[in-house]
Amino acid sequence: MMMRRMGAVFLAGGLTVLAGFSAYAASGTSALPPPDPTAKNLTPYMIQLRAFDACLHTQSQLLKTTREAVHTPCSCYAKGTVTAMTKDEIQAFRDTGYFNDSAREKGLGFIDQCKLKRPI
């Protein structure tokens, strides 16, 4: 009986600690990854290649298939997204290494249009 109570106390304590860490992580100011210095001089074509590669990796995992199986839809997504980006969105990508909010919205539209699975 005493062991059962001790186990419950440790379990409750552990859950409290985990909840505290989760709240701390959610309230942190570093929700975004640090800027990627290698993106500074990328051309739109090079940004497209990065988007294509990231799509192949992500979609093959999400859909539990091979990269070859998502090659065409990922090409559709990468070309469409980068072509639709404004000069400001391209520059924002160069500054950070990831899509800003408006470019991300365009990307989600192309994920749908190219029949891929949304990662979020």
N, C-alpha and C. Protein backbone atom coordinates (compact mmCIF):
# COMPACT_ATOMS: atom_id res chain seq x y z
N MET A 1 0.82 -1.18 0.00
CA MET A 1 0.00 0.00 0.00
C MET A 1 0.87 1.26 0.00
N MET A 2 1.91 1.26 0.83
CA MET A 2 2.81 2.40 0.92
C MET A 2 3.55 2.61 -0.40
N MET A 3 3.94 1.52 -1.07
CA MET A 3 4.64 1.61 -2.35
C MET A 3 3.71 2.22 -3.41
N ARG A 4 2.46 1.88 -3.37
CA ARG A 4 1.50 2.39 -4.33
C ARG A 4 1.36 3.91 -4.17
N ARG A 5 1.31 4.38 -2.92
CA ARG A 5 1.21 5.82 -2.65
C ARG A 5 2.47 6.55 -3.11
N MET A 6 3.61 5.95 -2.84
CA MET A 6 4.87 6.59 -3.25
C MET A 6 4.94 6.68 -4.78
N GLY A 7 4.50 5.64 -5.45
CA GLY A 7 4.48 5.65 -6.91
C GLY A 7 3.58 6.75 -7.45
N ALA A 8 2.42 6.92 -6.82
CA ALA A 8 1.49 7.97 -7.24
C ALA A 8 2.10 9.35 -7.01
N VAL A 9 2.81 9.53 -5.89
CA VAL A 9 3.44 10.81 -5.59
C VAL A 9 4.52 11.13 -6.62
N PHE A 10 5.36 10.15 -6.95
CA PHE A 10 6.40 10.37 -7.94
C PHE A 10 5.81 10.65 -9.33
N LEU A 11 4.75 9.94 -9.68
CA LEU A 11 4.10 10.16 -10.96
C LEU A 11 3.53 11.57 -11.03
N ALA A 12 2.84 11.99 -9.99
CA ALA A 12 2.26 13.33 -9.98
C ALA A 12 3.35 14.39 -10.02
N GLY A 13 4.42 14.18 -9.29
CA GLY A 13 5.54 15.13 -9.30
C GLY A 13 6.18 15.22 -10.68
N GLY A 14 6.36 14.08 -11.31
CA GLY A 14 6.95 14.06 -12.65
C GLY A 14 6.07 14.77 -13.66
N LEU A 15 4.76 14.57 -13.57
CA LEU A 15 3.85 15.25 -14.49
C LEU A 15 3.85 16.75 -14.26
N THR A 16 3.97 17.16 -13.00
CA THR A 16 4.03 18.60 -12.70
C THR A 16 5.28 19.22 -13.30
N VAL A 17 6.41 18.54 -13.17
CA VAL A 17 7.66 19.04 -13.73
C VAL A 17 7.56 19.13 -15.25
N LEU A 18 7.00 18.09 -15.89
CA LEU A 18 6.85 18.11 -17.34
C LEU A 18 5.93 19.24 -17.79
N ALA A 19 4.86 19.47 -17.07
CA ALA A 19 3.94 20.56 -17.41
C ALA A 19 4.66 21.91 -17.29
N GLY A 20 5.50 22.05 -16.29
CA GLY A 20 6.25 23.29 -16.13
C GLY A 20 7.21 23.53 -17.27
N PHE A 21 7.91 22.48 -17.69
CA PHE A 21 8.83 22.61 -18.81
C PHE A 21 8.08 22.93 -20.10
N SER A 22 6.92 22.32 -20.29
CA SER A 22 6.13 22.59 -21.49
C SER A 22 5.68 24.04 -21.52
N ALA A 23 5.23 24.55 -20.40
CA ALA A 23 4.79 25.95 -20.34
C ALA A 23 5.97 26.88 -20.59
N TYR A 24 7.13 26.56 -20.06
CA TYR A 24 8.31 27.38 -20.27
C TYR A 24 8.70 27.40 -21.74
N ALA A 25 8.68 26.24 -22.36
CA ALA A 25 9.06 26.16 -23.77
C ALA A 25 8.08 26.92 -24.65
N ALA A 26 6.80 26.84 -24.33
CA ALA A 26 5.79 27.52 -25.13
C ALA A 26 5.87 29.03 -24.97
N SER A 27 6.35 29.50 -23.84
CA SER A 27 6.40 30.93 -23.60
C SER A 27 7.72 31.55 -24.03
N GLY A 28 8.67 30.74 -24.48
CA GLY A 28 9.98 31.25 -24.88
C GLY A 28 9.89 32.13 -26.12
N THR A 29 10.86 33.01 -26.27
CA THR A 29 10.88 33.91 -27.42
C THR A 29 11.57 33.30 -28.62
N SER A 30 12.12 32.12 -28.49
CA SER A 30 12.86 31.50 -29.59
C SER A 30 12.01 30.45 -30.30
N ALA A 31 10.76 30.80 -30.63
CA ALA A 31 9.90 29.86 -31.33
C ALA A 31 10.38 29.61 -32.75
N LEU A 32 11.03 30.60 -33.35
CA LEU A 32 11.54 30.44 -34.70
C LEU A 32 12.99 30.00 -34.66
N PRO A 33 13.40 29.24 -35.66
CA PRO A 33 14.82 28.84 -35.70
C PRO A 33 15.70 30.06 -35.95
N PRO A 34 16.96 29.97 -35.59
CA PRO A 34 17.86 31.09 -35.84
C PRO A 34 18.03 31.30 -37.35
N PRO A 35 18.36 32.52 -37.77
CA PRO A 35 18.57 32.77 -39.20
C PRO A 35 19.66 31.87 -39.78
N ASP A 36 19.48 31.50 -41.04
CA ASP A 36 20.42 30.63 -41.73
C ASP A 36 21.35 31.49 -42.58
N PRO A 37 22.60 31.65 -42.18
CA PRO A 37 23.51 32.52 -42.93
C PRO A 37 23.80 32.02 -44.35
N THR A 38 23.58 30.74 -44.62
CA THR A 38 23.84 30.22 -45.97
C THR A 38 22.77 30.65 -46.97
N ALA A 39 21.66 31.20 -46.51
CA ALA A 39 20.57 31.61 -47.40
C ALA A 39 20.76 33.02 -47.94
N LYS A 40 21.75 33.72 -47.45
CA LYS A 40 21.92 35.15 -47.74
C LYS A 40 21.97 35.48 -49.22
N ASN A 41 22.64 34.69 -50.02
CA ASN A 41 22.82 35.01 -51.45
C ASN A 41 22.11 34.04 -52.39
N LEU A 42 21.10 33.35 -51.91
CA LEU A 42 20.42 32.38 -52.76
C LEU A 42 19.59 33.06 -53.85
N THR A 43 19.65 32.48 -55.03
CA THR A 43 18.79 32.93 -56.13
C THR A 43 17.41 32.30 -55.94
N PRO A 44 16.39 32.82 -56.63
CA PRO A 44 15.09 32.17 -56.54
C PRO A 44 15.14 30.68 -56.92
N TYR A 45 15.95 30.35 -57.92
CA TYR A 45 16.08 28.94 -58.32
C TYR A 45 16.66 28.10 -57.18
N MET A 46 17.64 28.63 -56.49
CA MET A 46 18.24 27.90 -55.37
C MET A 46 17.25 27.76 -54.21
N ILE A 47 16.42 28.77 -54.00
CA ILE A 47 15.37 28.68 -52.97
C ILE A 47 14.39 27.59 -53.38
N GLN A 48 14.07 27.53 -54.66
CA GLN A 48 13.17 26.50 -55.18
C GLN A 48 13.75 25.11 -54.94
N LEU A 49 15.05 24.95 -55.15
CA LEU A 49 15.69 23.65 -54.91
C LEU A 49 15.62 23.27 -53.43
N ARG A 50 15.81 24.25 -52.55
CA ARG A 50 15.69 23.97 -51.11
C ARG A 50 14.27 23.55 -50.75
N ALA A 51 13.29 24.28 -51.30
CA ALA A 51 11.88 23.95 -51.03
C ALA A 51 11.56 22.55 -51.56
N PHE A 52 12.07 22.23 -52.73
CA PHE A 52 11.84 20.92 -53.34
C PHE A 52 12.43 19.82 -52.47
N ASP A 53 13.67 20.00 -52.03
CA ASP A 53 14.32 18.99 -51.20
C ASP A 53 13.60 18.81 -49.87
N ALA A 54 13.21 19.92 -49.25
CA ALA A 54 12.47 19.84 -47.99
C ALA A 54 11.13 19.13 -48.19
N CYS A 55 10.49 19.41 -49.31
CA CYS A 55 9.22 18.76 -49.62
C CYS A 55 9.40 17.26 -49.79
N LEU A 56 10.41 16.86 -50.53
CA LEU A 56 10.67 15.43 -50.73
C LEU A 56 10.84 14.72 -49.39
N HIS A 57 11.62 15.31 -48.53
CA HIS A 57 11.89 14.72 -47.22
C HIS A 57 10.61 14.65 -46.37
N THR A 58 9.93 15.78 -46.25
CA THR A 58 8.76 15.86 -45.39
C THR A 58 7.61 15.01 -45.91
N GLN A 59 7.30 15.13 -47.19
CA GLN A 59 6.15 14.41 -47.74
C GLN A 59 6.38 12.90 -47.79
N SER A 60 7.60 12.48 -48.05
CA SER A 60 7.85 11.03 -48.05
C SER A 60 7.63 10.45 -46.66
N GLN A 61 7.95 11.23 -45.63
CA GLN A 61 7.69 10.76 -44.25
C GLN A 61 6.21 10.83 -43.92
N LEU A 62 5.56 11.95 -44.25
CA LEU A 62 4.13 12.10 -43.95
C LEU A 62 3.27 11.06 -44.65
N LEU A 63 3.61 10.79 -45.90
CA LEU A 63 2.81 9.84 -46.69
C LEU A 63 3.34 8.41 -46.62
N LYS A 64 4.44 8.24 -45.86
CA LYS A 64 5.05 6.91 -45.70
C LYS A 64 5.30 6.25 -47.06
N THR A 65 6.02 6.98 -47.89
CA THR A 65 6.33 6.50 -49.23
C THR A 65 7.76 6.92 -49.58
N THR A 66 8.14 6.68 -50.80
CA THR A 66 9.50 7.02 -51.24
C THR A 66 9.54 8.46 -51.75
N ARG A 67 10.75 8.99 -51.83
CA ARG A 67 10.93 10.33 -52.39
C ARG A 67 10.53 10.35 -53.87
N GLU A 68 10.78 9.27 -54.56
CA GLU A 68 10.43 9.20 -55.97
C GLU A 68 8.92 9.33 -56.17
N ALA A 69 8.15 8.79 -55.24
CA ALA A 69 6.69 8.82 -55.37
C ALA A 69 6.12 10.24 -55.22
N VAL A 70 6.84 11.12 -54.53
CA VAL A 70 6.35 12.49 -54.34
C VAL A 70 7.16 13.50 -55.17
N HIS A 71 7.98 13.02 -56.09
CA HIS A 71 8.83 13.90 -56.90
C HIS A 71 8.01 14.93 -57.69
N THR A 72 7.04 14.48 -58.44
CA THR A 72 6.25 15.38 -59.28
C THR A 72 5.43 16.37 -58.46
N PRO A 73 4.69 15.91 -57.43
CA PRO A 73 3.94 16.89 -56.64
C PRO A 73 4.85 17.88 -55.90
N CYS A 74 6.01 17.44 -55.45
CA CYS A 74 6.93 18.35 -54.77
C CYS A 74 7.53 19.36 -55.75
N SER A 75 7.75 18.94 -56.98
CA SER A 75 8.22 19.86 -57.99
C SER A 75 7.16 20.92 -58.25
N CYS A 76 5.92 20.51 -58.34
CA CYS A 76 4.79 21.43 -58.51
C CYS A 76 4.75 22.44 -57.37
N TYR A 77 4.87 21.94 -56.14
CA TYR A 77 4.84 22.80 -54.94
C TYR A 77 5.99 23.81 -54.94
N ALA A 78 7.21 23.35 -55.16
CA ALA A 78 8.38 24.22 -55.07
C ALA A 78 8.36 25.29 -56.17
N LYS A 79 8.08 24.88 -57.40
CA LYS A 79 8.04 25.84 -58.50
C LYS A 79 6.93 26.86 -58.30
N GLY A 80 5.75 26.37 -57.95
CA GLY A 80 4.61 27.27 -57.77
C GLY A 80 4.82 28.26 -56.65
N THR A 81 5.33 27.78 -55.52
CA THR A 81 5.51 28.65 -54.37
C THR A 81 6.54 29.73 -54.64
N VAL A 82 7.70 29.36 -55.13
CA VAL A 82 8.77 30.34 -55.34
C VAL A 82 8.40 31.30 -56.47
N THR A 83 7.74 30.83 -57.50
CA THR A 83 7.30 31.71 -58.59
C THR A 83 6.29 32.74 -58.08
N ALA A 84 5.45 32.35 -57.14
CA ALA A 84 4.43 33.25 -56.62
C ALA A 84 4.97 34.24 -55.57
N MET A 85 6.19 34.01 -55.09
CA MET A 85 6.76 34.89 -54.06
C MET A 85 7.13 36.25 -54.63
N THR A 86 6.89 37.29 -53.83
CA THR A 86 7.27 38.65 -54.20
C THR A 86 8.76 38.85 -53.92
N LYS A 87 9.29 39.97 -54.38
CA LYS A 87 10.70 40.29 -54.09
C LYS A 87 10.93 40.42 -52.59
N ASP A 88 9.97 40.97 -51.87
CA ASP A 88 10.10 41.09 -50.42
C ASP A 88 10.11 39.73 -49.74
N GLU A 89 9.31 38.80 -50.22
CA GLU A 89 9.29 37.46 -49.65
C GLU A 89 10.59 36.72 -49.95
N ILE A 90 11.12 36.93 -51.15
CA ILE A 90 12.43 36.33 -51.50
C ILE A 90 13.50 36.88 -50.56
N GLN A 91 13.48 38.19 -50.35
CA GLN A 91 14.48 38.81 -49.47
C GLN A 91 14.30 38.33 -48.03
N ALA A 92 13.07 38.17 -47.59
CA ALA A 92 12.83 37.65 -46.24
C ALA A 92 13.39 36.24 -46.09
N PHE A 93 13.27 35.43 -47.15
CA PHE A 93 13.85 34.09 -47.12
C PHE A 93 15.37 34.18 -47.03
N ARG A 94 15.94 35.08 -47.80
CA ARG A 94 17.40 35.24 -47.75
C ARG A 94 17.86 35.69 -46.36
N ASP A 95 17.07 36.51 -45.72
CA ASP A 95 17.43 37.02 -44.40
C ASP A 95 17.34 35.96 -43.31
N THR A 96 16.40 35.03 -43.47
CA THR A 96 16.14 34.06 -42.39
C THR A 96 16.43 32.62 -42.75
N GLY A 97 16.21 32.25 -44.00
CA GLY A 97 16.37 30.86 -44.40
C GLY A 97 15.07 30.08 -44.35
N TYR A 98 13.96 30.75 -44.11
CA TYR A 98 12.65 30.10 -44.13
C TYR A 98 11.60 31.07 -44.64
N PHE A 99 10.44 30.53 -45.03
CA PHE A 99 9.37 31.35 -45.57
C PHE A 99 8.77 32.24 -44.49
N ASN A 100 8.46 33.50 -44.83
CA ASN A 100 7.74 34.34 -43.89
C ASN A 100 6.25 33.98 -43.96
N ASP A 101 5.42 34.67 -43.20
CA ASP A 101 4.01 34.29 -43.10
C ASP A 101 3.28 34.33 -44.44
N SER A 102 3.50 35.37 -45.23
CA SER A 102 2.78 35.47 -46.50
C SER A 102 3.26 34.41 -47.51
N ALA A 103 4.55 34.14 -47.53
CA ALA A 103 5.06 33.08 -48.41
C ALA A 103 4.59 31.71 -47.94
N ARG A 104 4.49 31.53 -46.63
CA ARG A 104 4.01 30.26 -46.08
C ARG A 104 2.56 30.00 -46.51
N GLU A 105 1.74 31.06 -46.52
CA GLU A 105 0.36 30.92 -46.98
C GLU A 105 0.31 30.49 -48.44
N LYS A 106 1.16 31.08 -49.25
CA LYS A 106 1.23 30.69 -50.66
C LYS A 106 1.67 29.23 -50.77
N GLY A 107 2.63 28.85 -49.96
CA GLY A 107 3.11 27.47 -49.96
C GLY A 107 2.02 26.48 -49.59
N LEU A 108 1.24 26.83 -48.58
CA LEU A 108 0.13 25.94 -48.19
C LEU A 108 -0.88 25.81 -49.32
N GLY A 109 -1.11 26.90 -50.04
CA GLY A 109 -2.01 26.83 -51.20
C GLY A 109 -1.49 25.87 -52.26
N PHE A 110 -0.19 25.90 -52.48
CA PHE A 110 0.39 24.99 -53.48
C PHE A 110 0.47 23.56 -52.96
N ILE A 111 0.59 23.37 -51.66
CA ILE A 111 0.52 22.02 -51.12
C ILE A 111 -0.84 21.41 -51.45
N ASP A 112 -1.90 22.21 -51.26
CA ASP A 112 -3.24 21.74 -51.59
C ASP A 112 -3.40 21.52 -53.09
N GLN A 113 -2.97 22.49 -53.88
CA GLN A 113 -3.12 22.43 -55.33
C GLN A 113 -2.35 21.26 -55.93
N CYS A 114 -1.21 20.95 -55.37
CA CYS A 114 -0.37 19.87 -55.90
C CYS A 114 -0.67 18.52 -55.26
N LYS A 115 -1.71 18.48 -54.46
CA LYS A 115 -2.23 17.25 -53.85
C LYS A 115 -1.21 16.59 -52.91
N LEU A 116 -0.63 17.42 -52.04
CA LEU A 116 0.26 16.94 -51.00
C LEU A 116 -0.44 17.04 -49.66
N LYS A 117 0.16 16.48 -48.65
CA LYS A 117 -0.43 16.51 -47.31
C LYS A 117 0.16 17.68 -46.54
N ARG A 118 -0.72 18.48 -45.91
CA ARG A 118 -0.25 19.61 -45.11
C ARG A 118 0.50 19.09 -43.88
N PRO A 119 1.68 19.62 -43.63
CA PRO A 119 2.45 19.16 -42.47
C PRO A 119 1.96 19.74 -41.15
N ILE A 120 1.06 20.73 -41.22
CA ILE A 120 0.55 21.35 -40.00
C ILE A 120 -0.94 21.18 -39.87
